[in-house]
Amino acid sequence: MWLKSYLDFSADRPMWAYIADDLMANHVAKSCKPKHVDLRINTFMQKWNPKMRGLPQELKGMINVARKYSLRIEGLAFSRDIMRALPMWDHIYAPARAISRLLYPSRIVTCLRCNHHAKLVGDFERLAEVLKNGTHRASANCGCAGCKRLRDDDACENPHLCCTRARDLIVCLPDKWNPMLRHPEDYERDGMKALEQQIIDEDEIPFDRCITTYGDASQVFRIFTSSTLVFNGIAPMELCESGPTLEVATDGSCTNNGDADARAGAGVFIAVDSELNRSVRIPEGIEQSNQTGEMIATLTAANL
């Protein structure tokens, strides 16, 4: 429960969790990056780690629980609100070499941190958006509304350079975490509405193809994850109807389900004597169960 409460980023987050943030951010090795303590926001959202020796026992236990149950950030797709809520500095999935090059100490980087107070992905995105203004010029003296605001509000000497660096940092993020790209959030709900409108039989229920996780940054964490690399590309979930529709029946079955000698299979039926009908025996090495058969049947049908 300690870990769950600590990773609650809603308005109900307990006060002790903020104290834990400060304790861990200040209790690091001398070589820890980011160097500035205010940029070490959350050890589970970034790559830095606190020193275990000297931490309160409760925090040690919390970190050990996270490691024991393989806690990490993982999911098929996330809303932009979630993407924007993650720290940009030391972003958990940003390529270290590219980010280090762009955040190498300089006047621009200092301005981003000290004047613009840019810490989260959303902060950098707002700066990058200035470049999209039709009246913006690639000049230190640009007079567009965005640059004027940054000079007045943030005392920025060269808004164009800061905004360009912010954009370059956003572009460095893996596609799944780049809020400036097109994501399933942009179209999946409209796609579901279109499917619901096509239903004639009231007993029919359309398959929910929405994969986006909504909410706050608390929703990005998963436990019992595997050691395999996380796929950080964008899942292509857009429906592209380019021909006639095909009605397909799929099913999976398993003999001796749940036993050591279980054998599973999958079937796809189009019509009697159809050349597209398929029957598949689930290979050894893949879990033999009804659920596996049903998933393989669906995958087989999708690839027809």
C-alpha atoms as a PDB file:
ATOM      1  CA  MET A   1       0.000   0.000   0.000  1.00  0.00           C
ATOM      2  CA  TRP A   2       2.956   2.339   0.587  1.00  0.00           C
ATOM      3  CA  LEU A   3       4.028   2.044  -3.042  1.00  0.00           C
ATOM      4  CA  LYS A   4       0.499   2.527  -4.363  1.00  0.00           C
ATOM      5  CA  SER A   5      -0.004   5.642  -2.230  1.00  0.00           C
ATOM      6  CA  TYR A   6       3.375   7.034  -3.234  1.00  0.00           C
ATOM      7  CA  LEU A   7       2.564   6.654  -6.940  1.00  0.00           C
ATOM      8  CA  ASP A   8      -0.786   8.410  -6.562  1.00  0.00           C
ATOM      9  CA  PHE A   9      -0.417  11.722  -8.399  1.00  0.00           C
ATOM     10  CA  SER A  10      -4.005  12.822  -7.968  1.00  0.00           C
ATOM     11  CA  ALA A  11      -5.171  15.617  -5.699  1.00  0.00           C
ATOM     12  CA  ASP A  12      -5.404  12.997  -2.913  1.00  0.00           C
ATOM     13  CA  ARG A  13      -1.673  12.256  -2.883  1.00  0.00           C
ATOM     14  CA  PRO A  14      -0.559  12.044   0.770  1.00  0.00           C
ATOM     15  CA  MET A  15       1.814  14.640   2.214  1.00  0.00           C
ATOM     16  CA  TRP A  16       4.377  12.004   3.170  1.00  0.00           C
ATOM     17  CA  ALA A  17       4.810  11.138  -0.538  1.00  0.00           C
ATOM     18  CA  TYR A  18       6.073  14.682  -1.252  1.00  0.00           C
ATOM     19  CA  ILE A  19       8.476  14.380   1.664  1.00  0.00           C
ATOM     20  CA  ALA A  20       9.641  11.033   0.243  1.00  0.00           C
ATOM     21  CA  ASP A  21      10.253  12.767  -3.110  1.00  0.00           C
ATOM     22  CA  ASP A  22      12.597  15.247  -1.435  1.00  0.00           C
ATOM     23  CA  LEU A  23      14.358  12.629   0.671  1.00  0.00           C
ATOM     24  CA  MET A  24      15.133  10.409  -2.316  1.00  0.00           C
ATOM     25  CA  ALA A  25      16.043  13.295  -4.626  1.00  0.00           C
ATOM     26  CA  ASN A  26      18.607  14.554  -2.115  1.00  0.00           C
ATOM     27  CA  HIS A  27      19.996  11.134  -1.203  1.00  0.00           C
ATOM     28  CA  VAL A  28      21.928  10.211  -4.353  1.00  0.00           C
ATOM     29  CA  ALA A  29      25.473   9.510  -5.449  1.00  0.00           C
ATOM     30  CA  LYS A  30      27.681  12.482  -6.368  1.00  0.00           C
ATOM     31  CA  SER A  31      27.750  11.338  -9.992  1.00  0.00           C
ATOM     32  CA  CYS A  32      23.930  11.199 -10.220  1.00  0.00           C
ATOM     33  CA  LYS A  33      22.244  12.894 -13.150  1.00  0.00           C
ATOM     34  CA  PRO A  34      20.356  15.199 -13.374  1.00  0.00           C
ATOM     35  CA  LYS A  35      22.774  17.228 -11.270  1.00  0.00           C
ATOM     36  CA  HIS A  36      20.168  19.682 -10.024  1.00  0.00           C
ATOM     37  CA  VAL A  37      17.983  18.292  -7.251  1.00  0.00           C
ATOM     38  CA  ASP A  38      14.859  20.094  -8.508  1.00  0.00           C
ATOM     39  CA  LEU A  39      15.048  18.051 -11.717  1.00  0.00           C
ATOM     40  CA  ARG A  40      15.033  14.715  -9.883  1.00  0.00           C
ATOM     41  CA  ILE A  41      11.272  14.416  -9.737  1.00  0.00           C
ATOM     42  CA  ASN A  42      10.498  10.721  -9.343  1.00  0.00           C
ATOM     43  CA  THR A  43      12.855   7.748  -9.371  1.00  0.00           C
ATOM     44  CA  PHE A  44      10.211   5.509 -10.978  1.00  0.00           C
ATOM     45  CA  MET A  45       9.600   7.973 -13.824  1.00  0.00           C
ATOM     46  CA  GLN A  46      13.248   8.740 -14.440  1.00  0.00           C
ATOM     47  CA  LYS A  47      16.499   6.784 -14.710  1.00  0.00           C
ATOM     48  CA  TRP A  48      18.252   8.044 -11.560  1.00  0.00           C
ATOM     49  CA  ASN A  49      18.238   5.975  -8.372  1.00  0.00           C
ATOM     50  CA  PRO A  50      18.593   7.058  -4.746  1.00  0.00           C
ATOM     51  CA  LYS A  51      21.267   5.527  -2.527  1.00  0.00           C
ATOM     52  CA  MET A  52      19.680   2.788  -0.471  1.00  0.00           C
ATOM     53  CA  ARG A  53      22.082   3.168   2.437  1.00  0.00           C
ATOM     54  CA  GLY A  54      20.826   5.837   4.770  1.00  0.00           C
ATOM     55  CA  LEU A  55      17.250   5.928   3.481  1.00  0.00           C
ATOM     56  CA  PRO A  56      14.456   5.387   6.025  1.00  0.00           C
ATOM     57  CA  GLN A  57      13.474   1.732   6.273  1.00  0.00           C
ATOM     58  CA  GLU A  58       9.988   2.504   4.936  1.00  0.00           C
ATOM     59  CA  LEU A  59      11.389   3.956   1.710  1.00  0.00           C
ATOM     60  CA  LYS A  60      13.874   1.110   1.333  1.00  0.00           C
ATOM     61  CA  GLY A  61      11.016  -1.346   1.680  1.00  0.00           C
ATOM     62  CA  MET A  62       8.923   0.538  -0.865  1.00  0.00           C
ATOM     63  CA  ILE A  63      11.727   0.516  -3.441  1.00  0.00           C
ATOM     64  CA  ASN A  64      12.415  -3.172  -2.819  1.00  0.00           C
ATOM     65  CA  VAL A  65       8.735  -4.000  -3.327  1.00  0.00           C
ATOM     66  CA  ALA A  66       8.810  -2.147  -6.663  1.00  0.00           C
ATOM     67  CA  ARG A  67      11.831  -4.175  -7.736  1.00  0.00           C
ATOM     68  CA  LYS A  68      10.438  -7.468  -6.475  1.00  0.00           C
ATOM     69  CA  TYR A  69       7.220  -7.111  -8.449  1.00  0.00           C
ATOM     70  CA  SER A  70       8.877  -5.629 -11.559  1.00  0.00           C
ATOM     71  CA  LEU A  71       7.212  -2.215 -11.470  1.00  0.00           C
ATOM     72  CA  ARG A  72       7.751  -0.128 -14.575  1.00  0.00           C
ATOM     73  CA  ILE A  73       6.032   2.282 -16.932  1.00  0.00           C
ATOM     74  CA  GLU A  74       4.251   0.280 -19.596  1.00  0.00           C
ATOM     75  CA  GLY A  75       1.091   0.340 -21.714  1.00  0.00           C
ATOM     76  CA  LEU A  76      -0.249   0.229 -25.256  1.00  0.00           C
ATOM     77  CA  ALA A  77      -1.074   3.930 -25.560  1.00  0.00           C
ATOM     78  CA  PHE A  78      -1.472   6.919 -23.274  1.00  0.00           C
ATOM     79  CA  SER A  79      -3.390  10.166 -23.402  1.00  0.00           C
ATOM     80  CA  ARG A  80      -1.496  13.384 -24.025  1.00  0.00           C
ATOM     81  CA  ASP A  81      -2.325  14.509 -20.501  1.00  0.00           C
ATOM     82  CA  ILE A  82      -0.300  11.568 -19.214  1.00  0.00           C
ATOM     83  CA  MET A  83       2.557  12.106 -21.689  1.00  0.00           C
ATOM     84  CA  ARG A  84       2.782  15.763 -20.652  1.00  0.00           C
ATOM     85  CA  ALA A  85       2.876  14.884 -16.959  1.00  0.00           C
ATOM     86  CA  LEU A  86       6.132  12.907 -17.214  1.00  0.00           C
ATOM     87  CA  PRO A  87       9.494  14.562 -16.495  1.00  0.00           C
ATOM     88  CA  MET A  88      11.474  15.550 -19.573  1.00  0.00           C
ATOM     89  CA  TRP A  89      14.816  15.652 -17.777  1.00  0.00           C
ATOM     90  CA  ASP A  90      16.098  12.081 -17.484  1.00  0.00           C
ATOM     91  CA  HIS A  91      12.888  10.789 -19.117  1.00  0.00           C
ATOM     92  CA  ILE A  92      12.655   7.068 -18.465  1.00  0.00           C
ATOM     93  CA  TYR A  93      12.467   6.128 -22.166  1.00  0.00           C
ATOM     94  CA  ALA A  94      14.370   8.964 -23.847  1.00  0.00           C
ATOM     95  CA  PRO A  95      17.605   7.943 -25.609  1.00  0.00           C
ATOM     96  CA  ALA A  96      20.297   8.907 -23.115  1.00  0.00           C
ATOM     97  CA  ARG A  97      22.945  10.020 -25.592  1.00  0.00           C
ATOM     98  CA  ALA A  98      20.678  12.271 -27.632  1.00  0.00           C
ATOM     99  CA  ILE A  99      19.080  13.841 -24.552  1.00  0.00           C
ATOM    100  CA  SER A 100      22.465  14.384 -22.892  1.00  0.00           C
ATOM    101  CA  ARG A 101      23.714  16.196 -25.983  1.00  0.00           C
ATOM    102  CA  LEU A 102      20.695  18.510 -26.080  1.00  0.00           C
ATOM    103  CA  LEU A 103      20.825  19.153 -22.320  1.00  0.00           C
ATOM    104  CA  TYR A 104      24.571  19.719 -22.142  1.00  0.00           C
ATOM    105  CA  PRO A 105      25.121  22.775 -19.893  1.00  0.00           C
ATOM    106  CA  SER A 106      24.695  25.981 -21.876  1.00  0.00           C
ATOM    107  CA  ARG A 107      22.904  29.336 -21.684  1.00  0.00           C
ATOM    108  CA  ILE A 108      19.904  27.821 -23.455  1.00  0.00           C
ATOM    109  CA  VAL A 109      19.643  24.889 -21.053  1.00  0.00           C
ATOM    110  CA  THR A 110      20.043  27.212 -18.063  1.00  0.00           C
ATOM    111  CA  CYS A 111      17.283  29.437 -19.416  1.00  0.00           C
ATOM    112  CA  LEU A 112      14.979  26.465 -19.913  1.00  0.00           C
ATOM    113  CA  ARG A 113      15.480  25.391 -16.312  1.00  0.00           C
ATOM    114  CA  CYS A 114      15.755  28.688 -14.465  1.00  0.00           C
ATOM    115  CA  ASN A 115      13.670  31.132 -16.521  1.00  0.00           C
ATOM    116  CA  HIS A 116      11.055  28.928 -18.167  1.00  0.00           C
ATOM    117  CA  HIS A 117      10.990  26.465 -15.245  1.00  0.00           C
ATOM    118  CA  ALA A 118      10.554  23.687 -17.804  1.00  0.00           C
ATOM    119  CA  LYS A 119      10.531  20.309 -16.073  1.00  0.00           C
ATOM    120  CA  LEU A 120       7.740  18.223 -17.567  1.00  0.00           C
ATOM    121  CA  VAL A 121       7.174  17.156 -21.167  1.00  0.00           C
ATOM    122  CA  GLY A 122       4.159  19.481 -21.249  1.00  0.00           C
ATOM    123  CA  ASP A 123       6.341  22.472 -20.342  1.00  0.00           C
ATOM    124  CA  PHE A 124       8.633  21.780 -23.291  1.00  0.00           C
ATOM    125  CA  GLU A 125       5.691  21.189 -25.603  1.00  0.00           C
ATOM    126  CA  ARG A 126       4.228  24.610 -24.782  1.00  0.00           C
ATOM    127  CA  LEU A 127       7.533  26.213 -25.720  1.00  0.00           C
ATOM    128  CA  ALA A 128       7.778  24.215 -28.928  1.00  0.00           C
ATOM    129  CA  GLU A 129       4.262  25.307 -29.930  1.00  0.00           C
ATOM    130  CA  VAL A 130       5.532  28.895 -30.280  1.00  0.00           C
ATOM    131  CA  LEU A 131       7.413  27.834 -33.423  1.00  0.00           C
ATOM    132  CA  LYS A 132       4.112  26.950 -35.101  1.00  0.00           C
ATOM    133  CA  ASN A 133       2.877  30.537 -34.959  1.00  0.00           C
ATOM    134  CA  GLY A 134       2.514  31.792 -38.520  1.00  0.00           C
ATOM    135  CA  THR A 135       4.151  35.094 -37.624  1.00  0.00           C
ATOM    136  CA  HIS A 136       7.135  33.537 -35.853  1.00  0.00           C
ATOM    137  CA  ARG A 137      10.590  34.247 -37.314  1.00  0.00           C
ATOM    138  CA  ALA A 138      13.820  32.340 -36.727  1.00  0.00           C
ATOM    139  CA  SER A 139      15.406  35.323 -35.059  1.00  0.00           C
ATOM    140  CA  ALA A 140      16.446  36.452 -31.593  1.00  0.00           C
ATOM    141  CA  ASN A 141      14.333  39.542 -32.191  1.00  0.00           C
ATOM    142  CA  CYS A 142      11.183  37.741 -33.337  1.00  0.00           C
ATOM    143  CA  GLY A 143       8.152  39.874 -32.530  1.00  0.00           C
ATOM    144  CA  CYS A 144       5.468  37.161 -32.566  1.00  0.00           C
ATOM    145  CA  ALA A 145       3.069  37.038 -29.647  1.00  0.00           C
ATOM    146  CA  GLY A 146       4.658  33.879 -28.224  1.00  0.00           C
ATOM    147  CA  CYS A 147       8.178  35.304 -28.185  1.00  0.00           C
ATOM    148  CA  LYS A 148       6.991  38.569 -26.676  1.00  0.00           C
ATOM    149  CA  ARG A 149       5.250  36.671 -23.886  1.00  0.00           C
ATOM    150  CA  LEU A 150       8.377  34.629 -23.135  1.00  0.00           C
ATOM    151  CA  ARG A 151      10.494  37.782 -22.972  1.00  0.00           C
ATOM    152  CA  ASP A 152       8.046  39.558 -20.679  1.00  0.00           C
ATOM    153  CA  ASP A 153       7.005  36.650 -18.431  1.00  0.00           C
ATOM    154  CA  ASP A 154      10.161  34.521 -18.362  1.00  0.00           C
ATOM    155  CA  ALA A 155      12.878  37.142 -18.995  1.00  0.00           C
ATOM    156  CA  CYS A 156      14.104  35.012 -21.901  1.00  0.00           C
ATOM    157  CA  GLU A 157      16.770  36.699 -24.032  1.00  0.00           C
ATOM    158  CA  ASN A 158      16.323  34.491 -27.097  1.00  0.00           C
ATOM    159  CA  PRO A 159      12.922  32.743 -27.153  1.00  0.00           C
ATOM    160  CA  HIS A 160      13.531  31.281 -30.597  1.00  0.00           C
ATOM    161  CA  LEU A 161      16.561  29.298 -29.438  1.00  0.00           C
ATOM    162  CA  CYS A 162      14.813  28.071 -26.295  1.00  0.00           C
ATOM    163  CA  CYS A 163      11.711  27.013 -28.227  1.00  0.00           C
ATOM    164  CA  THR A 164      13.835  25.282 -30.861  1.00  0.00           C
ATOM    165  CA  ARG A 165      15.716  23.356 -28.190  1.00  0.00           C
ATOM    166  CA  ALA A 166      12.422  22.405 -26.521  1.00  0.00           C
ATOM    167  CA  ARG A 167      11.116  21.085 -29.852  1.00  0.00           C
ATOM    168  CA  ASP A 168      14.311  19.103 -30.462  1.00  0.00           C
ATOM    169  CA  LEU A 169      13.966  17.488 -27.046  1.00  0.00           C
ATOM    170  CA  ILE A 170      10.341  16.542 -27.713  1.00  0.00           C
ATOM    171  CA  VAL A 171      11.339  15.016 -31.062  1.00  0.00           C
ATOM    172  CA  CYS A 172      13.949  12.881 -29.250  1.00  0.00           C
ATOM    173  CA  LEU A 173      11.252  11.096 -27.273  1.00  0.00           C
ATOM    174  CA  PRO A 174      10.063   7.696 -28.530  1.00  0.00           C
ATOM    175  CA  ASP A 175       6.963   8.085 -30.698  1.00  0.00           C
ATOM    176  CA  LYS A 176       4.637   6.668 -28.029  1.00  0.00           C
ATOM    177  CA  TRP A 177       5.676   9.457 -25.652  1.00  0.00           C
ATOM    178  CA  ASN A 178       5.761  12.360 -28.118  1.00  0.00           C
ATOM    179  CA  PRO A 179       2.568  14.424 -27.606  1.00  0.00           C
ATOM    180  CA  MET A 180       3.094  16.278 -30.880  1.00  0.00           C
ATOM    181  CA  LEU A 181       2.423  13.152 -32.989  1.00  0.00           C
ATOM    182  CA  ARG A 182      -0.856  11.492 -33.962  1.00  0.00           C
ATOM    183  CA  HIS A 183      -1.985   8.893 -31.433  1.00  0.00           C
ATOM    184  CA  PRO A 184      -4.914   6.445 -31.022  1.00  0.00           C
ATOM    185  CA  GLU A 185      -6.494   8.997 -28.678  1.00  0.00           C
ATOM    186  CA  ASP A 186      -7.145  11.163 -31.750  1.00  0.00           C
ATOM    187  CA  TYR A 187      -9.435   8.738 -33.532  1.00  0.00           C
ATOM    188  CA  GLU A 188     -10.328   5.615 -31.535  1.00  0.00           C
ATOM    189  CA  ARG A 189     -13.477   7.006 -29.895  1.00  0.00           C
ATOM    190  CA  ASP A 190     -14.831   8.253 -33.218  1.00  0.00           C
ATOM    191  CA  GLY A 191     -14.074   4.819 -34.650  1.00  0.00           C
ATOM    192  CA  MET A 192     -16.089   3.158 -31.894  1.00  0.00           C
ATOM    193  CA  LYS A 193     -19.037   5.486 -32.507  1.00  0.00           C
ATOM    194  CA  ALA A 194     -18.942   4.601 -36.202  1.00  0.00           C
ATOM    195  CA  LEU A 195     -18.985   0.883 -35.378  1.00  0.00           C
ATOM    196  CA  GLU A 196     -21.904   1.316 -32.965  1.00  0.00           C
ATOM    197  CA  GLN A 197     -23.907   3.093 -35.662  1.00  0.00           C
ATOM    198  CA  GLN A 198     -23.471   0.112 -37.983  1.00  0.00           C
ATOM    199  CA  ILE A 199     -25.079  -2.320 -35.523  1.00  0.00           C
ATOM    200  CA  ILE A 200     -28.441  -3.612 -36.690  1.00  0.00           C
ATOM    201  CA  ASP A 201     -29.079  -6.437 -34.236  1.00  0.00           C
ATOM    202  CA  GLU A 202     -29.523  -5.075 -30.716  1.00  0.00           C
ATOM    203  CA  ASP A 203     -27.808  -8.206 -29.359  1.00  0.00           C
ATOM    204  CA  GLU A 204     -24.589  -7.355 -31.179  1.00  0.00           C
ATOM    205  CA  ILE A 205     -21.819  -5.763 -29.139  1.00  0.00           C
ATOM    206  CA  PRO A 206     -18.939  -4.140 -31.036  1.00  0.00           C
ATOM    207  CA  PHE A 207     -15.430  -5.097 -29.971  1.00  0.00           C
ATOM    208  CA  ASP A 208     -13.926  -2.224 -27.989  1.00  0.00           C
ATOM    209  CA  ARG A 209     -10.726  -1.330 -29.854  1.00  0.00           C
ATOM    210  CA  CYS A 210      -9.806   1.602 -27.600  1.00  0.00           C
ATOM    211  CA  ILE A 211      -6.355   1.109 -26.103  1.00  0.00           C
ATOM    212  CA  THR A 212      -5.578   4.558 -24.688  1.00  0.00           C
ATOM    213  CA  THR A 213      -4.998   4.874 -20.956  1.00  0.00           C
ATOM    214  CA  TYR A 214      -6.484   8.074 -19.515  1.00  0.00           C
ATOM    215  CA  GLY A 215      -6.154   9.776 -16.155  1.00  0.00           C
ATOM    216  CA  ASP A 216      -3.063  11.156 -14.455  1.00  0.00           C
ATOM    217  CA  ALA A 217       0.526   9.936 -14.306  1.00  0.00           C
ATOM    218  CA  SER A 218      -0.470   7.318 -11.723  1.00  0.00           C
ATOM    219  CA  GLN A 219      -1.943   5.246 -14.559  1.00  0.00           C
ATOM    220  CA  VAL A 220       1.346   4.555 -16.341  1.00  0.00           C
ATOM    221  CA  PHE A 221       2.672   1.999 -13.859  1.00  0.00           C
ATOM    222  CA  ARG A 222       2.366  -1.763 -14.200  1.00  0.00           C
ATOM    223  CA  ILE A 223       3.595  -4.609 -12.001  1.00  0.00           C
ATOM    224  CA  PHE A 224       4.512  -8.198 -12.871  1.00  0.00           C
ATOM    225  CA  THR A 225       6.108  -6.952 -16.088  1.00  0.00           C
ATOM    226  CA  SER A 226       8.568  -9.047 -18.073  1.00  0.00           C
ATOM    227  CA  SER A 227      12.221  -8.262 -18.684  1.00  0.00           C
ATOM    228  CA  THR A 228      11.667  -7.787 -22.418  1.00  0.00           C
ATOM    229  CA  LEU A 229      12.086  -4.360 -23.966  1.00  0.00           C
ATOM    230  CA  VAL A 230       9.023  -2.133 -23.967  1.00  0.00           C
ATOM    231  CA  PHE A 231       7.583  -1.311 -27.400  1.00  0.00           C
ATOM    232  CA  ASN A 232       7.626   2.476 -27.581  1.00  0.00           C
ATOM    233  CA  GLY A 233       6.220   2.923 -31.060  1.00  0.00           C
ATOM    234  CA  ILE A 234       2.670   4.040 -31.815  1.00  0.00           C
ATOM    235  CA  ALA A 235       0.170   1.195 -32.117  1.00  0.00           C
ATOM    236  CA  PRO A 236      -1.649   1.567 -35.470  1.00  0.00           C
ATOM    237  CA  MET A 237      -5.299   1.175 -34.466  1.00  0.00           C
ATOM    238  CA  GLU A 238      -6.945   3.219 -37.204  1.00  0.00           C
ATOM    239  CA  LEU A 239      -9.602   1.402 -39.226  1.00  0.00           C
ATOM    240  CA  CYS A 240      -8.967   1.634 -42.976  1.00  0.00           C
ATOM    241  CA  GLU A 241     -11.875   0.212 -44.947  1.00  0.00           C
ATOM    242  CA  SER A 242     -10.557  -0.296 -48.456  1.00  0.00           C
ATOM    243  CA  GLY A 243     -12.799  -3.085 -49.692  1.00  0.00           C
ATOM    244  CA  PRO A 244     -15.780  -5.335 -48.953  1.00  0.00           C
ATOM    245  CA  THR A 245     -16.411  -6.471 -45.400  1.00  0.00           C
ATOM    246  CA  LEU A 246     -15.941 -10.109 -44.405  1.00  0.00           C
ATOM    247  CA  GLU A 247     -17.924 -11.880 -41.696  1.00  0.00           C
ATOM    248  CA  VAL A 248     -15.682 -14.239 -39.764  1.00  0.00           C
ATOM    249  CA  ALA A 249     -16.306 -16.728 -36.950  1.00  0.00           C
ATOM    250  CA  THR A 250     -13.385 -17.623 -34.688  1.00  0.00           C
ATOM    251  CA  ASP A 251     -12.966 -19.979 -31.765  1.00  0.00           C
ATOM    252  CA  GLY A 252     -10.335 -21.719 -29.715  1.00  0.00           C
ATOM    253  CA  SER A 253     -10.503 -25.018 -27.898  1.00  0.00           C
ATOM    254  CA  CYS A 254      -8.337 -27.121 -25.634  1.00  0.00           C
ATOM    255  CA  THR A 255      -8.424 -30.751 -24.571  1.00  0.00           C
ATOM    256  CA  ASN A 256      -7.413 -31.454 -20.980  1.00  0.00           C
ATOM    257  CA  ASN A 257      -7.448 -27.725 -20.322  1.00  0.00           C
ATOM    258  CA  GLY A 258      -5.346 -26.854 -17.273  1.00  0.00           C
ATOM    259  CA  ASP A 259      -3.450 -30.151 -17.242  1.00  0.00           C
ATOM    260  CA  ALA A 260       0.158 -30.848 -18.190  1.00  0.00           C
ATOM    261  CA  ASP A 261      -0.932 -32.748 -21.341  1.00  0.00           C
ATOM    262  CA  ALA A 262      -3.284 -29.997 -22.568  1.00  0.00           C
ATOM    263  CA  ARG A 263      -3.389 -29.427 -26.340  1.00  0.00           C
ATOM    264  CA  ALA A 264      -4.997 -26.339 -27.826  1.00  0.00           C
ATOM    265  CA  GLY A 265      -6.191 -25.403 -31.272  1.00  0.00           C
ATOM    266  CA  ALA A 266      -7.769 -22.502 -33.139  1.00  0.00           C
ATOM    267  CA  GLY A 267     -10.302 -22.265 -35.920  1.00  0.00           C
ATOM    268  CA  VAL A 268     -11.466 -19.631 -38.399  1.00  0.00           C
ATOM    269  CA  PHE A 269     -14.692 -20.163 -40.362  1.00  0.00           C
ATOM    270  CA  ILE A 270     -15.826 -18.062 -43.303  1.00  0.00           C
ATOM    271  CA  ALA A 271     -18.253 -20.327 -45.146  1.00  0.00           C
ATOM    272  CA  VAL A 272     -18.723 -23.971 -46.078  1.00  0.00           C
ATOM    273  CA  ASP A 273     -15.847 -25.100 -48.335  1.00  0.00           C
ATOM    274  CA  SER A 274     -14.294 -21.607 -48.261  1.00  0.00           C
ATOM    275  CA  GLU A 275     -10.586 -21.519 -49.098  1.00  0.00           C
ATOM    276  CA  LEU A 276     -10.170 -19.006 -46.277  1.00  0.00           C
ATOM    277  CA  ASN A 277     -11.245 -21.437 -43.549  1.00  0.00           C
ATOM    278  CA  ARG A 278      -8.381 -22.167 -41.200  1.00  0.00           C
ATOM    279  CA  SER A 279      -7.566 -24.666 -38.466  1.00  0.00           C
ATOM    280  CA  VAL A 280      -4.428 -24.218 -36.390  1.00  0.00           C
ATOM    281  CA  ARG A 281      -2.779 -26.430 -33.792  1.00  0.00           C
ATOM    282  CA  ILE A 282      -1.093 -24.304 -31.154  1.00  0.00           C
ATOM    283  CA  PRO A 283       2.643 -25.139 -31.245  1.00  0.00           C
ATOM    284  CA  GLU A 284       4.365 -26.587 -28.217  1.00  0.00           C
ATOM    285  CA  GLY A 285       6.171 -23.875 -26.298  1.00  0.00           C
ATOM    286  CA  ILE A 286       3.079 -21.669 -26.324  1.00  0.00           C
ATOM    287  CA  GLU A 287       0.697 -21.988 -23.382  1.00  0.00           C
ATOM    288  CA  GLN A 288      -1.943 -24.602 -24.205  1.00  0.00           C
ATOM    289  CA  SER A 289      -5.309 -23.182 -23.125  1.00  0.00           C
ATOM    290  CA  ASN A 290      -8.711 -22.119 -24.428  1.00  0.00           C
ATOM    291  CA  GLN A 291      -7.693 -18.473 -24.127  1.00  0.00           C
ATOM    292  CA  THR A 292      -4.557 -19.015 -26.187  1.00  0.00           C
ATOM    293  CA  GLY A 293      -6.579 -20.773 -28.878  1.00  0.00           C
ATOM    294  CA  GLU A 294      -9.064 -17.907 -29.028  1.00  0.00           C
ATOM    295  CA  MET A 295      -6.306 -15.317 -29.322  1.00  0.00           C
ATOM    296  CA  ILE A 296      -4.523 -17.278 -32.065  1.00  0.00           C
ATOM    297  CA  ALA A 297      -7.821 -17.662 -33.914  1.00  0.00           C
ATOM    298  CA  THR A 298      -8.401 -13.906 -33.802  1.00  0.00           C
ATOM    299  CA  LEU A 299      -4.859 -13.219 -34.967  1.00  0.00           C
ATOM    300  CA  THR A 300      -5.209 -15.721 -37.790  1.00  0.00           C
ATOM    301  CA  ALA A 301      -8.471 -14.102 -38.943  1.00  0.00           C
ATOM    302  CA  ALA A 302      -6.932 -10.644 -38.849  1.00  0.00           C
ATOM    303  CA  ASN A 303      -4.172 -11.812 -41.195  1.00  0.00           C
ATOM    304  CA  LEU A 304      -6.456 -13.315 -43.833  1.00  0.00           C
END
